[in-house]
C-alpha atoms as a PDB file:
ATOM      1  CA  MET A   1       0.000   0.000   0.000  1.00  0.00           C
ATOM      2  CA  ALA A   2       1.589   3.243  -1.114  1.00  0.00           C
ATOM      3  CA  VAL A   3       1.346   6.317   1.067  1.00  0.00           C
ATOM      4  CA  ALA A   4       1.415   9.708  -0.584  1.00  0.00           C
ATOM      5  CA  ALA A   5       1.754  13.108   0.946  1.00  0.00           C
ATOM      6  CA  GLU A   6      -0.194  16.223  -0.040  1.00  0.00           C
ATOM      7  CA  SER A   7       1.743  16.812  -3.258  1.00  0.00           C
ATOM      8  CA  PRO A   8       1.442  15.188  -6.674  1.00  0.00           C
ATOM      9  CA  LEU A   9       4.482  13.228  -7.780  1.00  0.00           C
ATOM     10  CA  PRO A  10       6.219  13.729 -11.163  1.00  0.00           C
ATOM     11  CA  GLY A  11       4.225  11.904 -13.810  1.00  0.00           C
ATOM     12  CA  TRP A  12       1.368  11.484 -11.359  1.00  0.00           C
ATOM     13  CA  SER A  13      -2.057  11.072 -12.966  1.00  0.00           C
ATOM     14  CA  ALA A  14      -4.936  12.682 -11.110  1.00  0.00           C
ATOM     15  CA  TYR A  15      -7.767  10.368 -10.147  1.00  0.00           C
ATOM     16  CA  PRO A  16     -11.156  11.711 -11.321  1.00  0.00           C
ATOM     17  CA  VAL A  17     -12.692  11.584  -7.812  1.00  0.00           C
ATOM     18  CA  ARG A  18     -11.689  14.573  -5.682  1.00  0.00           C
ATOM     19  CA  VAL A  19     -12.283  14.468  -1.921  1.00  0.00           C
ATOM     20  CA  ASP A  20     -11.309  17.623  -0.041  1.00  0.00           C
ATOM     21  CA  ALA A  21     -11.773  19.013   3.436  1.00  0.00           C
ATOM     22  CA  GLY A  22     -10.780  22.147   5.304  1.00  0.00           C
ATOM     23  CA  PRO A  23      -8.127  22.174   8.006  1.00  0.00           C
ATOM     24  CA  PRO A  24      -9.345  21.120  11.451  1.00  0.00           C
ATOM     25  CA  PRO A  25     -10.151  24.159  13.621  1.00  0.00           C
ATOM     26  CA  THR A  26     -10.397  24.181  17.376  1.00  0.00           C
ATOM     27  CA  LEU A  27     -13.388  21.932  18.063  1.00  0.00           C
ATOM     28  CA  SER A  28     -15.843  21.564  20.919  1.00  0.00           C
ATOM     29  CA  HIS A  29     -14.690  19.318  23.756  1.00  0.00           C
ATOM     30  CA  TRP A  30     -18.066  17.622  24.128  1.00  0.00           C
ATOM     31  CA  LEU A  31     -20.213  18.131  21.007  1.00  0.00           C
ATOM     32  CA  TRP A  32     -19.038  14.830  19.517  1.00  0.00           C
ATOM     33  CA  LEU A  33     -20.897  13.055  22.340  1.00  0.00           C
ATOM     34  CA  VAL A  34     -24.270  14.107  20.879  1.00  0.00           C
ATOM     35  CA  LYS A  35     -23.516  14.310  17.157  1.00  0.00           C
ATOM     36  CA  TRP A  36     -25.203  10.914  16.686  1.00  0.00           C
ATOM     37  CA  LEU A  37     -28.412  12.570  17.865  1.00  0.00           C
ATOM     38  CA  LEU A  38     -27.959  15.778  15.885  1.00  0.00           C
ATOM     39  CA  ALA A  39     -27.241  13.838  12.686  1.00  0.00           C
ATOM     40  CA  ILE A  40     -30.407  11.699  12.838  1.00  0.00           C
ATOM     41  CA  PRO A  41     -32.324  13.911  10.349  1.00  0.00           C
ATOM     42  CA  HIS A  42     -29.469  13.488   7.876  1.00  0.00           C
ATOM     43  CA  TYR A  43     -29.359   9.721   8.417  1.00  0.00           C
ATOM     44  CA  ILE A  44     -33.080   9.452   7.637  1.00  0.00           C
ATOM     45  CA  VAL A  45     -32.689  11.458   4.421  1.00  0.00           C
ATOM     46  CA  LEU A  46     -29.615   9.472   3.400  1.00  0.00           C
ATOM     47  CA  VAL A  47     -31.461   6.156   3.721  1.00  0.00           C
ATOM     48  CA  VAL A  48     -33.953   7.404   1.124  1.00  0.00           C
ATOM     49  CA  LEU A  49     -31.253   8.931  -1.069  1.00  0.00           C
ATOM     50  CA  TRP A  50     -29.214   5.729  -1.129  1.00  0.00           C
ATOM     51  CA  LEU A  51     -32.262   3.674  -2.109  1.00  0.00           C
ATOM     52  CA  VAL A  52     -32.772   6.048  -5.035  1.00  0.00           C
ATOM     53  CA  PHE A  53     -29.027   5.887  -5.752  1.00  0.00           C
ATOM     54  CA  VAL A  54     -29.184   2.102  -6.164  1.00  0.00           C
ATOM     55  CA  VAL A  55     -32.209   2.242  -8.465  1.00  0.00           C
ATOM     56  CA  LEU A  56     -30.704   4.996 -10.614  1.00  0.00           C
ATOM     57  CA  SER A  57     -27.383   3.138 -10.786  1.00  0.00           C
ATOM     58  CA  ILE A  58     -29.205   0.180 -12.340  1.00  0.00           C
ATOM     59  CA  VAL A  59     -30.780   2.559 -14.859  1.00  0.00           C
ATOM     60  CA  ALA A  60     -27.341   4.017 -15.568  1.00  0.00           C
ATOM     61  CA  LEU A  61     -25.892   0.515 -16.050  1.00  0.00           C
ATOM     62  CA  VAL A  62     -28.455  -0.203 -18.759  1.00  0.00           C
ATOM     63  CA  ALA A  63     -27.818   3.184 -20.366  1.00  0.00           C
ATOM     64  CA  ILE A  64     -24.065   2.575 -20.426  1.00  0.00           C
ATOM     65  CA  LEU A  65     -24.585  -0.856 -21.989  1.00  0.00           C
ATOM     66  CA  VAL A  66     -26.686   0.686 -24.754  1.00  0.00           C
ATOM     67  CA  THR A  67     -24.982   4.046 -25.341  1.00  0.00           C
ATOM     68  CA  GLY A  68     -21.619   3.932 -23.561  1.00  0.00           C
ATOM     69  CA  ARG A  69     -22.587   7.083 -21.647  1.00  0.00           C
ATOM     70  CA  TYR A  70     -23.681   7.789 -18.080  1.00  0.00           C
ATOM     71  CA  PRO A  71     -26.869   9.944 -18.192  1.00  0.00           C
ATOM     72  CA  ARG A  72     -25.837  13.380 -16.945  1.00  0.00           C
ATOM     73  CA  GLY A  73     -28.888  13.937 -14.779  1.00  0.00           C
ATOM     74  CA  ILE A  74     -28.429  10.623 -12.970  1.00  0.00           C
ATOM     75  CA  PHE A  75     -24.702  11.255 -12.692  1.00  0.00           C
ATOM     76  CA  ALA A  76     -25.258  14.640 -11.037  1.00  0.00           C
ATOM     77  CA  PHE A  77     -27.759  13.161  -8.582  1.00  0.00           C
ATOM     78  CA  ASN A  78     -25.544  10.215  -7.630  1.00  0.00           C
ATOM     79  CA  VAL A  79     -22.509  12.437  -7.148  1.00  0.00           C
ATOM     80  CA  GLY A  80     -24.730  14.601  -4.938  1.00  0.00           C
ATOM     81  CA  VAL A  81     -25.585  11.579  -2.784  1.00  0.00           C
ATOM     82  CA  LEU A  82     -21.893  10.769  -2.335  1.00  0.00           C
ATOM     83  CA  ARG A  83     -21.213  14.434  -1.546  1.00  0.00           C
ATOM     84  CA  TRP A  84     -24.019  14.591   1.023  1.00  0.00           C
ATOM     85  CA  SER A  85     -22.788  11.373   2.629  1.00  0.00           C
ATOM     86  CA  TRP A  86     -19.253  12.700   2.837  1.00  0.00           C
ATOM     87  CA  ARG A  87     -20.353  15.951   4.493  1.00  0.00           C
ATOM     88  CA  VAL A  88     -22.343  14.057   7.130  1.00  0.00           C
ATOM     89  CA  SER A  89     -19.487  11.606   7.673  1.00  0.00           C
ATOM     90  CA  TYR A  90     -17.007  14.471   8.024  1.00  0.00           C
ATOM     91  CA  TYR A  91     -19.255  16.156  10.593  1.00  0.00           C
ATOM     92  CA  ALA A  92     -20.111  12.989  12.502  1.00  0.00           C
ATOM     93  CA  TYR A  93     -18.216   9.818  13.226  1.00  0.00           C
ATOM     94  CA  GLY A  94     -16.435   9.353   9.917  1.00  0.00           C
ATOM     95  CA  ALA A  95     -13.966  12.109  10.809  1.00  0.00           C
ATOM     96  CA  LEU A  96     -15.296  14.533  13.486  1.00  0.00           C
ATOM     97  CA  GLY A  97     -13.667  17.168  11.281  1.00  0.00           C
ATOM     98  CA  THR A  98     -16.037  20.067  11.937  1.00  0.00           C
ATOM     99  CA  ASP A  99     -18.697  21.250  14.353  1.00  0.00           C
ATOM    100  CA  ARG A 100     -20.562  23.087  11.606  1.00  0.00           C
ATOM    101  CA  TYR A 101     -23.851  21.347  10.840  1.00  0.00           C
ATOM    102  CA  PRO A 102     -24.012  19.868   7.311  1.00  0.00           C
ATOM    103  CA  PRO A 103     -26.357  21.517   4.802  1.00  0.00           C
ATOM    104  CA  PHE A 104     -29.325  19.608   3.381  1.00  0.00           C
ATOM    105  CA  ALA A 105     -28.159  19.832  -0.232  1.00  0.00           C
ATOM    106  CA  LEU A 106     -26.974  17.638  -3.085  1.00  0.00           C
ATOM    107  CA  ARG A 107     -25.006  20.488  -4.663  1.00  0.00           C
ATOM    108  CA  ASP A 108     -21.614  21.592  -3.498  1.00  0.00           C
ATOM    109  CA  VAL A 109     -21.630  24.290  -0.808  1.00  0.00           C
ATOM    110  CA  PRO A 110     -18.399  26.267  -1.341  1.00  0.00           C
ATOM    111  CA  ASP A 111     -18.069  27.589   2.204  1.00  0.00           C
ATOM    112  CA  TYR A 112     -18.652  24.214   3.883  1.00  0.00           C
ATOM    113  CA  PRO A 113     -15.338  22.526   4.781  1.00  0.00           C
ATOM    114  CA  ALA A 114     -16.039  19.125   3.107  1.00  0.00           C
ATOM    115  CA  HIS A 115     -16.227  18.705  -0.668  1.00  0.00           C
ATOM    116  CA  LEU A 116     -16.507  15.911  -3.219  1.00  0.00           C
ATOM    117  CA  GLU A 117     -16.365  16.149  -6.997  1.00  0.00           C
ATOM    118  CA  VAL A 118     -16.327  13.463  -9.698  1.00  0.00           C
ATOM    119  CA  GLU A 119     -15.199  14.273 -13.211  1.00  0.00           C
ATOM    120  CA  TYR A 120     -17.929  13.431 -15.710  1.00  0.00           C
ATOM    121  CA  PRO A 121     -16.797  10.674 -18.115  1.00  0.00           C
ATOM    122  CA  GLU A 122     -17.646  11.354 -21.760  1.00  0.00           C
ATOM    123  CA  ARG A 123     -17.473   7.638 -22.578  1.00  0.00           C
ATOM    124  CA  LEU A 124     -17.559   4.474 -20.476  1.00  0.00           C
ATOM    125  CA  SER A 125     -16.736   0.888 -21.424  1.00  0.00           C
ATOM    126  CA  ARG A 126     -19.768  -1.282 -22.160  1.00  0.00           C
ATOM    127  CA  GLY A 127     -17.873  -4.405 -21.125  1.00  0.00           C
ATOM    128  CA  LEU A 128     -16.404  -3.113 -17.870  1.00  0.00           C
ATOM    129  CA  VAL A 129     -19.781  -1.980 -16.589  1.00  0.00           C
ATOM    130  CA  LEU A 130     -20.817  -5.633 -16.182  1.00  0.00           C
ATOM    131  CA  VAL A 131     -17.892  -6.655 -14.010  1.00  0.00           C
ATOM    132  CA  LYS A 132     -16.180  -3.670 -12.397  1.00  0.00           C
ATOM    133  CA  TRP A 133     -18.741  -3.029  -9.657  1.00  0.00           C
ATOM    134  CA  TRP A 134     -18.496  -6.551  -8.234  1.00  0.00           C
ATOM    135  CA  LEU A 135     -15.644  -8.676  -9.635  1.00  0.00           C
ATOM    136  CA  LEU A 136     -12.925  -6.112 -10.294  1.00  0.00           C
ATOM    137  CA  ALA A 137     -13.662  -4.219  -7.089  1.00  0.00           C
ATOM    138  CA  ILE A 138     -13.311  -7.250  -4.782  1.00  0.00           C
ATOM    139  CA  PRO A 139      -9.729  -6.410  -3.699  1.00  0.00           C
ATOM    140  CA  HIS A 140     -10.854  -2.909  -2.755  1.00  0.00           C
ATOM    141  CA  TYR A 141     -13.951  -4.241  -0.983  1.00  0.00           C
ATOM    142  CA  LEU A 142     -11.652  -6.272   1.265  1.00  0.00           C
ATOM    143  CA  VAL A 143      -9.669  -3.155   2.130  1.00  0.00           C
ATOM    144  CA  VAL A 144     -12.822  -1.073   2.645  1.00  0.00           C
ATOM    145  CA  GLY A 145     -14.174  -3.768   4.972  1.00  0.00           C
ATOM    146  CA  ILE A 146     -11.096  -3.288   7.151  1.00  0.00           C
ATOM    147  CA  LEU A 147     -11.426   0.495   7.043  1.00  0.00           C
ATOM    148  CA  VAL A 148     -15.133   0.886   7.804  1.00  0.00           C
ATOM    149  CA  GLY A 149     -15.856  -2.414   9.580  1.00  0.00           C
ATOM    150  CA  ALA A 150     -18.910  -4.639   9.359  1.00  0.00           C
ATOM    151  CA  GLY A 151     -21.414  -6.458  11.483  1.00  0.00           C
ATOM    152  CA  ARG A 152     -20.809 -10.123  12.216  1.00  0.00           C
ATOM    153  CA  THR A 153     -23.134 -12.798  13.563  1.00  0.00           C
ATOM    154  CA  VAL A 154     -21.349 -15.080  16.003  1.00  0.00           C
ATOM    155  CA  ALA A 155     -22.618 -18.276  17.586  1.00  0.00           C
ATOM    156  CA  ASN A 156     -22.775 -17.976  21.353  1.00  0.00           C
ATOM    157  CA  GLN A 157     -21.412 -21.226  22.776  1.00  0.00           C
ATOM    158  CA  ALA A 158     -22.206 -20.368  26.378  1.00  0.00           C
ATOM    159  CA  ASP A 159     -25.667 -21.918  26.191  1.00  0.00           C
ATOM    160  CA  THR A 160     -24.468 -25.183  24.667  1.00  0.00           C
ATOM    161  CA  GLY A 161     -24.237 -28.003  27.191  1.00  0.00           C
ATOM    162  CA  ALA A 162     -24.240 -31.762  27.306  1.00  0.00           C
ATOM    163  CA  THR A 163     -27.544 -31.831  29.118  1.00  0.00           C
ATOM    164  CA  GLY A 164     -29.237 -28.844  27.498  1.00  0.00           C
ATOM    165  CA  ALA A 165     -30.991 -25.951  29.183  1.00  0.00           C
ATOM    166  CA  ALA A 166     -33.713 -28.117  30.722  1.00  0.00           C
ATOM    167  CA  GLY A 167     -31.598 -31.144  31.548  1.00  0.00           C
ATOM    168  CA  SER A 168     -33.210 -33.150  28.765  1.00  0.00           C
ATOM    169  CA  GLY A 169     -29.926 -34.729  27.735  1.00  0.00           C
ATOM    170  CA  ILE A 170     -30.081 -33.001  24.356  1.00  0.00           C
ATOM    171  CA  ALA A 171     -27.552 -30.277  23.677  1.00  0.00           C
ATOM    172  CA  SER A 172     -29.204 -26.934  23.067  1.00  0.00           C
ATOM    173  CA  GLU A 173     -28.524 -24.978  19.913  1.00  0.00           C
ATOM    174  CA  PRO A 174     -26.103 -22.052  20.266  1.00  0.00           C
ATOM    175  CA  GLU A 175     -27.889 -18.725  20.128  1.00  0.00           C
ATOM    176  CA  PRO A 176     -26.357 -16.321  17.607  1.00  0.00           C
ATOM    177  CA  TRP A 177     -25.507 -12.774  18.574  1.00  0.00           C
ATOM    178  CA  THR A 178     -24.235  -9.899  16.484  1.00  0.00           C
ATOM    179  CA  THR A 179     -21.066  -7.920  17.028  1.00  0.00           C
ATOM    180  CA  TRP A 180     -20.051  -4.737  15.273  1.00  0.00           C
ATOM    181  CA  ASP A 181     -16.514  -4.125  14.076  1.00  0.00           C
ATOM    182  CA  PRO A 182     -16.010  -0.331  13.903  1.00  0.00           C
ATOM    183  CA  GLY A 183     -13.161  -0.640  11.431  1.00  0.00           C
ATOM    184  CA  LEU A 184      -9.877   1.224  11.402  1.00  0.00           C
ATOM    185  CA  ILE A 185     -11.537   4.581  10.714  1.00  0.00           C
ATOM    186  CA  GLY A 186     -13.887   4.119  13.662  1.00  0.00           C
ATOM    187  CA  VAL A 187     -11.010   3.270  16.002  1.00  0.00           C
ATOM    188  CA  LEU A 188      -8.997   6.309  14.889  1.00  0.00           C
ATOM    189  CA  VAL A 189     -12.014   8.595  15.232  1.00  0.00           C
ATOM    190  CA  LEU A 190     -12.626   7.234  18.757  1.00  0.00           C
ATOM    191  CA  ILE A 191      -9.022   8.058  19.683  1.00  0.00           C
ATOM    192  CA  THR A 192      -9.542  11.529  18.232  1.00  0.00           C
ATOM    193  CA  ALA A 193     -12.745  11.957  20.250  1.00  0.00           C
ATOM    194  CA  VAL A 194     -10.932  11.206  23.498  1.00  0.00           C
ATOM    195  CA  ILE A 195      -8.226  13.730  22.609  1.00  0.00           C
ATOM    196  CA  LEU A 196     -10.889  16.322  21.759  1.00  0.00           C
ATOM    197  CA  LEU A 197     -12.589  15.712  25.084  1.00  0.00           C
ATOM    198  CA  PHE A 198      -9.485  16.806  26.979  1.00  0.00           C
ATOM    199  CA  THR A 199      -7.837  19.294  24.617  1.00  0.00           C
ATOM    200  CA  GLY A 200     -10.359  20.496  22.043  1.00  0.00           C
ATOM    201  CA  ARG A 201      -7.617  20.077  19.411  1.00  0.00           C
ATOM    202  CA  TYR A 202      -7.469  17.678  16.464  1.00  0.00           C
ATOM    203  CA  PRO A 203      -3.981  16.118  16.075  1.00  0.00           C
ATOM    204  CA  GLN A 204      -2.789  16.925  12.564  1.00  0.00           C
ATOM    205  CA  GLY A 205      -1.291  13.481  11.975  1.00  0.00           C
ATOM    206  CA  LEU A 206      -4.532  11.726  12.890  1.00  0.00           C
ATOM    207  CA  TYR A 207      -6.502  14.171  10.763  1.00  0.00           C
ATOM    208  CA  ASN A 208      -4.348  13.536   7.698  1.00  0.00           C
ATOM    209  CA  LEU A 209      -4.601   9.764   8.122  1.00  0.00           C
ATOM    210  CA  ILE A 210      -8.379   9.726   8.685  1.00  0.00           C
ATOM    211  CA  LEU A 211      -8.926  11.945   5.640  1.00  0.00           C
ATOM    212  CA  GLY A 212      -6.772   9.640   3.522  1.00  0.00           C
ATOM    213  CA  LEU A 213      -8.717   6.549   4.599  1.00  0.00           C
ATOM    214  CA  ASN A 214     -12.045   8.241   3.867  1.00  0.00           C
ATOM    215  CA  ARG A 215     -10.734   9.320   0.463  1.00  0.00           C
ATOM    216  CA  TRP A 216      -9.904   5.676  -0.315  1.00  0.00           C
ATOM    217  CA  VAL A 217     -13.451   4.573   0.601  1.00  0.00           C
ATOM    218  CA  LEU A 218     -15.117   7.307  -1.478  1.00  0.00           C
ATOM    219  CA  ARG A 219     -12.986   6.544  -4.542  1.00  0.00           C
ATOM    220  CA  VAL A 220     -14.106   2.924  -4.373  1.00  0.00           C
ATOM    221  CA  ALA A 221     -17.731   4.017  -3.920  1.00  0.00           C
ATOM    222  CA  ALA A 222     -17.561   6.160  -7.067  1.00  0.00           C
ATOM    223  CA  TYR A 223     -15.917   3.355  -9.046  1.00  0.00           C
ATOM    224  CA  ALA A 224     -18.488   0.799  -7.872  1.00  0.00           C
ATOM    225  CA  GLY A 225     -21.208   3.333  -8.704  1.00  0.00           C
ATOM    226  CA  LEU A 226     -20.037   3.133 -12.353  1.00  0.00           C
ATOM    227  CA  MET A 227     -18.925   6.788 -12.397  1.00  0.00           C
ATOM    228  CA  THR A 228     -15.476   6.089 -13.794  1.00  0.00           C
ATOM    229  CA  ASP A 229     -13.557   3.328 -15.561  1.00  0.00           C
ATOM    230  CA  ARG A 230     -10.309   4.339 -13.849  1.00  0.00           C
ATOM    231  CA  TYR A 231      -9.430   1.689 -11.291  1.00  0.00           C
ATOM    232  CA  PRO A 232      -8.953   3.212  -7.827  1.00  0.00           C
ATOM    233  CA  PRO A 233      -5.277   3.358  -6.882  1.00  0.00           C
ATOM    234  CA  PHE A 234      -3.956   1.335  -3.972  1.00  0.00           C
ATOM    235  CA  ARG A 235      -2.484   4.516  -2.602  1.00  0.00           C
ATOM    236  CA  LEU A 236      -3.186   6.357   0.632  1.00  0.00           C
ATOM    237  CA  ASP A 237      -3.327  10.062  -0.188  1.00  0.00           C
ATOM    238  CA  GLN A 238      -3.356  11.707   3.206  1.00  0.00           C
ATOM    239  CA  GLY A 239      -4.409  15.196   4.230  1.00  0.00           C
ATOM    240  CA  GLY A 240      -7.287  17.522   3.520  1.00  0.00           C
ATOM    241  CA  ARG A 241      -6.297  18.472  -0.016  1.00  0.00           C
ATOM    242  CA  ASP A 242      -6.842  15.847  -2.687  1.00  0.00           C
ATOM    243  CA  PRO A 243      -3.819  15.387  -4.979  1.00  0.00           C
ATOM    244  CA  ALA A 244      -6.114  16.053  -7.945  1.00  0.00           C
ATOM    245  CA  THR A 245      -6.996  19.432  -6.434  1.00  0.00           C
ATOM    246  CA  LEU A 246      -3.329  20.255  -5.862  1.00  0.00           C
ATOM    247  CA  ASP A 247      -2.442  19.101  -9.380  1.00  0.00           C
ATOM    248  CA  ALA A 248      -5.133  21.302 -10.923  1.00  0.00           C
ATOM    249  CA  GLY A 249      -4.213  24.266  -8.738  1.00  0.00           C
ATOM    250  CA  ALA A 250      -7.933  24.847  -8.145  1.00  0.00           C
ATOM    251  CA  PRO A 251      -9.939  25.288  -4.956  1.00  0.00           C
ATOM    252  CA  PRO A 252     -11.913  22.240  -3.783  1.00  0.00           C
ATOM    253  CA  GLY A 253     -15.567  21.756  -4.495  1.00  0.00           C
ATOM    254  CA  GLY A 254     -15.633  23.066  -8.052  1.00  0.00           C
ATOM    255  CA  ALA A 255     -15.996  26.621  -6.745  1.00  0.00           C
ATOM    256  CA  GLY A 256     -14.098  28.064  -9.682  1.00  0.00           C
ATOM    257  CA  GLY A 257     -10.498  28.866 -10.339  1.00  0.00           C
ATOM    258  CA  PRO A 258      -8.000  30.529  -8.044  1.00  0.00           C
ATOM    259  CA  GLY A 259      -9.426  33.623  -6.442  1.00  0.00           C
ATOM    260  CA  ALA A 260     -12.995  32.274  -6.167  1.00  0.00           C
ATOM    261  CA  PRO A 261     -14.961  33.668  -3.207  1.00  0.00           C
ATOM    262  CA  GLY A 262     -14.365  31.732  -0.013  1.00  0.00           C
ATOM    263  CA  TRP A 263     -11.078  30.239  -1.145  1.00  0.00           C
ATOM    264  CA  GLY A 264      -7.477  31.262  -1.577  1.00  0.00           C
ATOM    265  CA  GLY A 265      -6.173  33.627  -4.244  1.00  0.00           C
ATOM    266  CA  GLY A 266      -3.765  31.022  -5.641  1.00  0.00           C
ATOM    267  CA  PRO A 267      -3.206  27.265  -5.786  1.00  0.00           C
ATOM    268  CA  MET A 268      -2.338  27.169  -2.095  1.00  0.00           C
ATOM    269  CA  GLY A 269      -4.180  30.313  -0.934  1.00  0.00           C
ATOM    270  CA  PRO A 270      -2.906  33.247   1.118  1.00  0.00           C
ATOM    271  CA  PRO A 271      -1.953  32.756   4.778  1.00  0.00           C
ATOM    272  CA  GLY A 272      -4.939  32.100   7.007  1.00  0.00           C
ATOM    273  CA  THR A 273      -7.210  30.739   4.233  1.00  0.00           C
ATOM    274  CA  TYR A 274      -7.978  27.138   3.286  1.00  0.00           C
ATOM    275  CA  GLY A 275      -4.883  25.677   1.661  1.00  0.00           C
ATOM    276  CA  GLY A 276      -2.676  28.561   2.744  1.00  0.00           C
ATOM    277  CA  ALA A 277      -0.160  28.636   5.528  1.00  0.00           C
ATOM    278  CA  PRO A 278      -1.766  29.017   8.974  1.00  0.00           C
ATOM    279  CA  PRO A 279      -1.184  32.489  10.446  1.00  0.00           C
ATOM    280  CA  PRO A 280       1.425  32.757  13.221  1.00  0.00           C
ATOM    281  CA  GLY A 281       0.145  31.808  16.639  1.00  0.00           C
ATOM    282  CA  THR A 282      -2.642  29.500  15.369  1.00  0.00           C
ATOM    283  CA  TYR A 283      -2.782  25.707  15.253  1.00  0.00           C
ATOM    284  CA  GLY A 284      -0.197  24.573  12.711  1.00  0.00           C
ATOM    285  CA  GLY A 285       1.270  28.054  12.306  1.00  0.00           C
ATOM    286  CA  ALA A 286       4.626  29.319  13.472  1.00  0.00           C
ATOM    287  CA  PRO A 287       4.714  30.244  17.172  1.00  0.00           C
ATOM    288  CA  PRO A 288       4.839  34.021  17.715  1.00  0.00           C
ATOM    289  CA  PRO A 289       8.159  35.487  18.905  1.00  0.00           C
ATOM    290  CA  GLY A 290       8.739  35.202  22.630  1.00  0.00           C
ATOM    291  CA  THR A 291       6.573  32.065  23.087  1.00  0.00           C
ATOM    292  CA  TYR A 292       7.658  28.431  23.450  1.00  0.00           C
ATOM    293  CA  GLY A 293       9.041  27.358  20.069  1.00  0.00           C
ATOM    294  CA  GLY A 294       9.126  30.910  18.733  1.00  0.00           C
ATOM    295  CA  ALA A 295      12.146  33.100  18.163  1.00  0.00           C
ATOM    296  CA  PRO A 296      13.495  34.693  21.364  1.00  0.00           C
ATOM    297  CA  PRO A 297      12.768  38.426  21.513  1.00  0.00           C
ATOM    298  CA  PRO A 298      15.744  40.797  21.034  1.00  0.00           C
ATOM    299  CA  GLY A 299      17.814  41.361  24.134  1.00  0.00           C
ATOM    300  CA  THR A 300      17.033  37.941  25.706  1.00  0.00           C
ATOM    301  CA  TYR A 301      19.151  34.785  25.849  1.00  0.00           C
ATOM    302  CA  GLY A 302      19.350  33.384  22.325  1.00  0.00           C
ATOM    303  CA  GLY A 303      17.807  36.459  20.739  1.00  0.00           C
ATOM    304  CA  ALA A 304      19.421  39.185  18.708  1.00  0.00           C
ATOM    305  CA  PRO A 305      21.472  41.649  20.772  1.00  0.00           C
ATOM    306  CA  PRO A 306      19.610  44.871  21.497  1.00  0.00           C
ATOM    307  CA  PRO A 307      20.558  47.894  19.404  1.00  0.00           C
ATOM    308  CA  PRO A 308      23.279  50.084  20.897  1.00  0.00           C
ATOM    309  CA  ALA A 309      21.964  52.885  23.047  1.00  0.00           C
END
């Protein structure tokens, strides 16, 4: 499994699924304890949206078989479902990346910190559409199962005895019970939640890793949803900025080119904006002079000598 940093490599080819998120601000110590409750309206809507997503994906499969094209209207809707899901996941227990409540919208919201875009394919293979969503994606499904977890039904052997529950001499059948594996993402988010509880700060290393794992899952979801013929890379692209966004030098979320409202004035943005260097004295920025880790002020030990009187 390759691990990539937040910079495209020479000869690197951008994947057509872009997953971006804003840098983690100072977050509430306790809000994550009730986000499951606050997100219930979104979960209800997403159940309906994903049912429609499945039906429309079947329609798209037939259309691709006949025409080699993904109907644009269906494509826009299905990308919107993935985008909505990502925003809710970023807010709730997929990342705990923001305390700002997700909007009820399929479209991109430029000033919300989580974004997802999928490049529309002009042509798709008629042959691949029959096998890529199940056969070709199996290796990725195994990885995704580790990342997001799954429920498992386990036989409970505690009730099995030689004499049975009623002493009839017949062994009783084991009663199954279900366990839930939270997956690697769930474990990392739980660790983050504990850190937030005591500090209110999101460790940058954990943030970068969790974003990279979510990006992997969403790329596979788009591929399995027939939105691209490009096989998802076995590469962990960490951090909030998608390599495709960095490669294009554009702000996330399809909000326009450099200088679009709400984003930086260049590929990386000015200091203090999304993608730009954090301002001094903030999380991730350079410590201000005279503080721990900052440059000593003039006239103190280790600082520049004071000017002559």
